[in-house]
């Protein structure tokens, strides 16, 4: 994190900054961020209807609840201001009865 502090600072508040922070904080946890959009603009200075900005963070393997809490804290710390998010963690496989 210290070595990449300049990159993190430059990208703070962006999806790529969030992805970098998650990768550096949890290098062994496969994650991906899916931006849901929500940014709209108009040259006419007329308010444009848009859904609230949001994103989803997918964790592609089951992880313990303590790690999930750490991921959520990292997201809260590095997410773009004013955005909502969902954290989706892959559920562990259920064991078949013998």
N, C-alpha and C. Protein backbone atom coordinates (compact mmCIF):
# COMPACT_ATOMS: atom_id res chain seq x y z
N UNK A 1 0.83 -1.18 0.00
CA UNK A 1 0.00 0.00 0.00
C UNK A 1 0.88 1.25 0.00
N UNK A 2 1.95 1.23 0.77
CA UNK A 2 2.81 2.42 0.85
C UNK A 2 3.46 2.68 -0.49
N UNK A 3 3.95 1.63 -1.13
CA UNK A 3 4.62 1.79 -2.42
C UNK A 3 3.67 2.33 -3.49
N UNK A 4 2.40 2.00 -3.39
CA UNK A 4 1.41 2.42 -4.40
C UNK A 4 0.56 3.60 -3.93
N UNK A 5 0.98 4.28 -2.85
CA UNK A 5 0.20 5.38 -2.27
C UNK A 5 -0.09 6.49 -3.28
N UNK A 6 0.87 6.82 -4.12
CA UNK A 6 0.66 7.88 -5.11
C UNK A 6 -0.43 7.47 -6.10
N UNK A 7 -0.40 6.21 -6.56
CA UNK A 7 -1.45 5.72 -7.47
C UNK A 7 -2.81 5.75 -6.79
N UNK A 8 -2.86 5.31 -5.53
CA UNK A 8 -4.12 5.31 -4.80
C UNK A 8 -4.67 6.72 -4.64
N UNK A 9 -3.80 7.67 -4.34
CA UNK A 9 -4.24 9.06 -4.16
C UNK A 9 -4.77 9.64 -5.46
N UNK A 10 -4.09 9.37 -6.58
CA UNK A 10 -4.52 9.88 -7.88
C UNK A 10 -5.87 9.31 -8.30
N UNK A 11 -6.10 8.05 -7.96
CA UNK A 11 -7.32 7.36 -8.40
C UNK A 11 -8.42 7.36 -7.34
N UNK A 12 -8.19 8.01 -6.21
CA UNK A 12 -9.16 7.99 -5.12
C UNK A 12 -10.53 8.48 -5.61
N UNK A 13 -11.58 7.77 -5.21
CA UNK A 13 -12.93 8.16 -5.59
C UNK A 13 -13.35 7.67 -6.95
N UNK A 14 -12.56 6.80 -7.57
CA UNK A 14 -12.90 6.24 -8.87
C UNK A 14 -13.01 4.73 -8.76
N UNK A 15 -13.63 4.11 -9.74
CA UNK A 15 -13.75 2.66 -9.75
C UNK A 15 -12.37 2.02 -9.83
N UNK A 16 -11.49 2.57 -10.66
CA UNK A 16 -10.15 1.99 -10.78
C UNK A 16 -9.37 2.14 -9.47
N UNK A 17 -9.60 3.24 -8.73
CA UNK A 17 -8.96 3.40 -7.43
C UNK A 17 -9.47 2.38 -6.43
N UNK A 18 -10.76 2.10 -6.46
CA UNK A 18 -11.34 1.09 -5.59
C UNK A 18 -10.77 -0.28 -5.93
N UNK A 19 -10.70 -0.60 -7.22
CA UNK A 19 -10.15 -1.89 -7.64
C UNK A 19 -8.70 -2.04 -7.17
N UNK A 20 -7.91 -0.98 -7.29
CA UNK A 20 -6.52 -1.03 -6.85
C UNK A 20 -6.44 -1.24 -5.33
N UNK A 21 -7.24 -0.52 -4.57
CA UNK A 21 -7.23 -0.67 -3.11
C UNK A 21 -7.62 -2.08 -2.69
N UNK A 22 -8.63 -2.65 -3.34
CA UNK A 22 -9.04 -4.02 -3.02
C UNK A 22 -7.96 -5.02 -3.38
N UNK A 23 -7.33 -4.84 -4.53
CA UNK A 23 -6.27 -5.75 -4.96
C UNK A 23 -5.08 -5.70 -4.00
N UNK A 24 -4.71 -4.50 -3.57
CA UNK A 24 -3.58 -4.37 -2.65
C UNK A 24 -3.92 -4.87 -1.25
N UNK A 25 -5.15 -4.68 -0.81
CA UNK A 25 -5.55 -5.09 0.53
C UNK A 25 -5.86 -6.57 0.64
N UNK A 26 -6.35 -7.16 -0.44
CA UNK A 26 -6.75 -8.57 -0.43
C UNK A 26 -6.21 -9.26 -1.69
N UNK A 27 -4.89 -9.44 -1.78
CA UNK A 27 -4.29 -9.95 -3.02
C UNK A 27 -4.70 -11.38 -3.38
N UNK A 28 -5.12 -12.18 -2.40
CA UNK A 28 -5.46 -13.57 -2.67
C UNK A 28 -6.97 -13.80 -2.85
N UNK A 29 -7.73 -12.72 -2.83
CA UNK A 29 -9.19 -12.85 -2.97
C UNK A 29 -9.58 -12.33 -4.35
N UNK A 30 -10.10 -13.22 -5.21
CA UNK A 30 -10.51 -12.78 -6.55
C UNK A 30 -11.78 -11.94 -6.49
N UNK A 31 -11.65 -10.66 -6.89
CA UNK A 31 -12.78 -9.73 -6.86
C UNK A 31 -12.88 -9.00 -8.18
N UNK A 32 -14.10 -8.54 -8.46
CA UNK A 32 -14.31 -7.69 -9.62
C UNK A 32 -15.37 -6.67 -9.27
N UNK A 33 -15.25 -5.49 -9.86
CA UNK A 33 -16.18 -4.41 -9.59
C UNK A 33 -16.98 -4.15 -10.86
N UNK A 34 -18.29 -4.15 -10.72
CA UNK A 34 -19.18 -3.87 -11.86
C UNK A 34 -19.87 -2.54 -11.60
N UNK A 35 -19.53 -1.55 -12.40
CA UNK A 35 -20.11 -0.22 -12.27
C UNK A 35 -21.52 -0.23 -12.83
N UNK A 36 -22.48 0.24 -12.05
CA UNK A 36 -23.88 0.26 -12.47
C UNK A 36 -24.26 1.56 -13.18
N UNK A 37 -23.30 2.45 -13.35
CA UNK A 37 -23.57 3.70 -14.04
C UNK A 37 -24.25 4.70 -13.13
N UNK A 38 -25.01 5.57 -13.70
CA UNK A 38 -25.73 6.56 -12.91
C UNK A 38 -25.24 7.97 -13.15
N UNK A 39 -24.16 8.15 -13.88
CA UNK A 39 -23.67 9.49 -14.16
C UNK A 39 -24.28 9.96 -15.48
N UNK A 40 -24.96 11.11 -15.45
CA UNK A 40 -25.58 11.68 -16.64
C UNK A 40 -25.31 13.17 -16.66
N UNK A 41 -25.24 13.74 -17.83
CA UNK A 41 -25.05 15.19 -17.91
C UNK A 41 -25.74 15.72 -19.16
N UNK A 42 -25.95 17.03 -19.16
CA UNK A 42 -26.64 17.66 -20.27
C UNK A 42 -25.98 19.00 -20.56
N UNK A 43 -25.78 19.33 -21.83
CA UNK A 43 -25.22 20.63 -22.20
C UNK A 43 -26.28 21.72 -22.09
N UNK A 44 -27.54 21.34 -21.95
CA UNK A 44 -28.64 22.30 -21.87
C UNK A 44 -28.88 22.80 -20.45
N UNK A 45 -28.11 22.34 -19.51
CA UNK A 45 -28.25 22.68 -18.09
C UNK A 45 -29.64 22.37 -17.56
N UNK A 46 -30.23 21.36 -18.12
CA UNK A 46 -31.53 20.88 -17.68
C UNK A 46 -31.28 19.62 -16.85
N UNK A 47 -31.90 19.51 -15.68
CA UNK A 47 -31.69 18.30 -14.89
C UNK A 47 -32.04 17.05 -15.69
N UNK A 48 -31.20 16.07 -15.61
CA UNK A 48 -31.39 14.81 -16.32
C UNK A 48 -31.71 13.73 -15.30
N UNK A 49 -32.80 13.01 -15.53
CA UNK A 49 -33.16 11.92 -14.64
C UNK A 49 -32.11 10.81 -14.76
N UNK A 50 -31.62 10.36 -13.63
CA UNK A 50 -30.62 9.30 -13.65
C UNK A 50 -30.77 8.47 -12.38
N UNK A 51 -30.51 7.17 -12.49
CA UNK A 51 -30.54 6.36 -11.27
C UNK A 51 -29.37 6.77 -10.38
N UNK A 52 -29.49 6.55 -9.08
CA UNK A 52 -28.37 6.90 -8.21
C UNK A 52 -27.14 6.08 -8.58
N UNK A 53 -25.95 6.68 -8.53
CA UNK A 53 -24.74 5.94 -8.89
C UNK A 53 -24.50 4.79 -7.92
N UNK A 54 -24.17 3.63 -8.46
CA UNK A 54 -23.94 2.46 -7.62
C UNK A 54 -23.01 1.49 -8.34
N UNK A 55 -22.53 0.53 -7.57
CA UNK A 55 -21.67 -0.51 -8.13
C UNK A 55 -21.83 -1.77 -7.29
N UNK A 56 -21.37 -2.89 -7.86
CA UNK A 56 -21.40 -4.17 -7.17
C UNK A 56 -19.98 -4.71 -7.13
N UNK A 57 -19.58 -5.20 -5.97
CA UNK A 57 -18.28 -5.88 -5.84
C UNK A 57 -18.58 -7.36 -5.70
N UNK A 58 -18.08 -8.14 -6.65
CA UNK A 58 -18.25 -9.59 -6.63
C UNK A 58 -16.99 -10.24 -6.09
N UNK A 59 -17.16 -11.14 -5.13
CA UNK A 59 -16.05 -11.96 -4.64
C UNK A 59 -16.32 -13.35 -5.19
N UNK A 60 -15.39 -13.84 -6.01
CA UNK A 60 -15.62 -15.06 -6.78
C UNK A 60 -15.27 -16.35 -6.06
N UNK A 61 -15.04 -16.28 -4.75
CA UNK A 61 -14.84 -17.51 -3.98
C UNK A 61 -15.37 -17.25 -2.57
N UNK A 62 -15.79 -18.30 -1.87
CA UNK A 62 -16.27 -18.11 -0.50
C UNK A 62 -15.13 -17.59 0.39
N UNK A 63 -15.45 -16.65 1.26
CA UNK A 63 -14.47 -16.12 2.22
C UNK A 63 -15.14 -16.03 3.58
N UNK A 64 -14.34 -16.11 4.66
CA UNK A 64 -14.92 -16.02 6.01
C UNK A 64 -15.58 -14.66 6.25
N UNK A 65 -16.49 -14.62 7.22
CA UNK A 65 -17.21 -13.39 7.53
C UNK A 65 -16.27 -12.27 7.96
N UNK A 66 -15.17 -12.61 8.65
CA UNK A 66 -14.22 -11.58 9.08
C UNK A 66 -13.58 -10.90 7.87
N UNK A 67 -13.27 -11.69 6.85
CA UNK A 67 -12.68 -11.13 5.63
C UNK A 67 -13.73 -10.30 4.89
N UNK A 68 -14.98 -10.77 4.87
CA UNK A 68 -16.06 -10.00 4.24
C UNK A 68 -16.19 -8.63 4.91
N UNK A 69 -16.09 -8.61 6.23
CA UNK A 69 -16.18 -7.34 6.96
C UNK A 69 -15.01 -6.43 6.58
N UNK A 70 -13.82 -7.00 6.43
CA UNK A 70 -12.65 -6.22 6.02
C UNK A 70 -12.81 -5.66 4.61
N UNK A 71 -13.37 -6.46 3.72
CA UNK A 71 -13.62 -6.00 2.35
C UNK A 71 -14.62 -4.85 2.37
N UNK A 72 -15.68 -4.99 3.17
CA UNK A 72 -16.69 -3.92 3.26
C UNK A 72 -16.06 -2.63 3.80
N UNK A 73 -15.18 -2.74 4.80
CA UNK A 73 -14.51 -1.55 5.34
C UNK A 73 -13.64 -0.89 4.28
N UNK A 74 -12.93 -1.70 3.50
CA UNK A 74 -12.07 -1.18 2.44
C UNK A 74 -12.91 -0.46 1.39
N UNK A 75 -14.05 -1.05 1.03
CA UNK A 75 -14.93 -0.43 0.04
C UNK A 75 -15.42 0.92 0.57
N UNK A 76 -15.88 0.95 1.82
CA UNK A 76 -16.38 2.20 2.41
C UNK A 76 -15.31 3.28 2.40
N UNK A 77 -14.08 2.88 2.64
CA UNK A 77 -12.97 3.84 2.70
C UNK A 77 -12.58 4.38 1.34
N UNK A 78 -12.72 3.58 0.28
CA UNK A 78 -12.20 3.95 -1.04
C UNK A 78 -13.26 4.18 -2.11
N UNK A 79 -14.52 4.00 -1.80
CA UNK A 79 -15.56 4.14 -2.83
C UNK A 79 -15.76 5.60 -3.20
N UNK A 80 -16.26 5.84 -4.40
CA UNK A 80 -16.60 7.22 -4.78
C UNK A 80 -17.67 7.79 -3.85
N UNK A 81 -17.55 9.05 -3.51
CA UNK A 81 -18.49 9.71 -2.62
C UNK A 81 -19.89 9.70 -3.24
N UNK A 82 -20.88 9.44 -2.42
CA UNK A 82 -22.27 9.50 -2.88
C UNK A 82 -22.72 8.29 -3.66
N UNK A 83 -21.95 7.21 -3.64
CA UNK A 83 -22.36 6.00 -4.35
C UNK A 83 -22.82 4.95 -3.36
N UNK A 84 -23.71 4.10 -3.82
CA UNK A 84 -24.14 2.95 -3.05
C UNK A 84 -23.47 1.71 -3.64
N UNK A 85 -23.35 0.68 -2.85
CA UNK A 85 -22.74 -0.55 -3.37
C UNK A 85 -23.39 -1.77 -2.75
N UNK A 86 -23.18 -2.89 -3.40
CA UNK A 86 -23.55 -4.20 -2.87
C UNK A 86 -22.32 -5.08 -2.93
N UNK A 87 -22.13 -5.87 -1.91
CA UNK A 87 -21.04 -6.83 -1.86
C UNK A 87 -21.65 -8.20 -2.03
N UNK A 88 -21.26 -8.88 -3.10
CA UNK A 88 -21.78 -10.22 -3.41
C UNK A 88 -20.65 -11.22 -3.27
N UNK A 89 -20.77 -12.12 -2.30
CA UNK A 89 -19.75 -13.14 -2.04
C UNK A 89 -20.30 -14.49 -2.45
N UNK A 90 -19.50 -15.24 -3.20
CA UNK A 90 -19.93 -16.56 -3.64
C UNK A 90 -20.15 -17.45 -2.41
N UNK A 91 -21.28 -18.11 -2.38
CA UNK A 91 -21.61 -18.98 -1.25
C UNK A 91 -20.82 -20.27 -1.33
N UNK A 92 -20.46 -20.84 -0.18
CA UNK A 92 -19.77 -22.13 -0.22
C UNK A 92 -20.68 -23.21 -0.77
N UNK A 93 -20.08 -24.20 -1.40
CA UNK A 93 -20.87 -25.32 -1.94
C UNK A 93 -21.43 -26.13 -0.79
N UNK A 94 -22.68 -26.52 -0.95
CA UNK A 94 -23.30 -27.36 0.06
C UNK A 94 -22.84 -28.78 -0.15
N UNK A 95 -22.55 -29.45 0.94
CA UNK A 95 -22.08 -30.84 0.87
C UNK A 95 -23.29 -31.75 0.65
N UNK A 96 -23.12 -32.69 -0.25
CA UNK A 96 -24.16 -33.67 -0.53
C UNK A 96 -24.21 -34.67 0.63
N UNK A 97 -25.41 -35.04 1.06
CA UNK A 97 -25.50 -36.07 2.12
C UNK A 97 -25.00 -37.40 1.59
N UNK A 98 -24.30 -38.13 2.44
CA UNK A 98 -23.74 -39.42 2.02
C UNK A 98 -24.73 -40.53 2.13
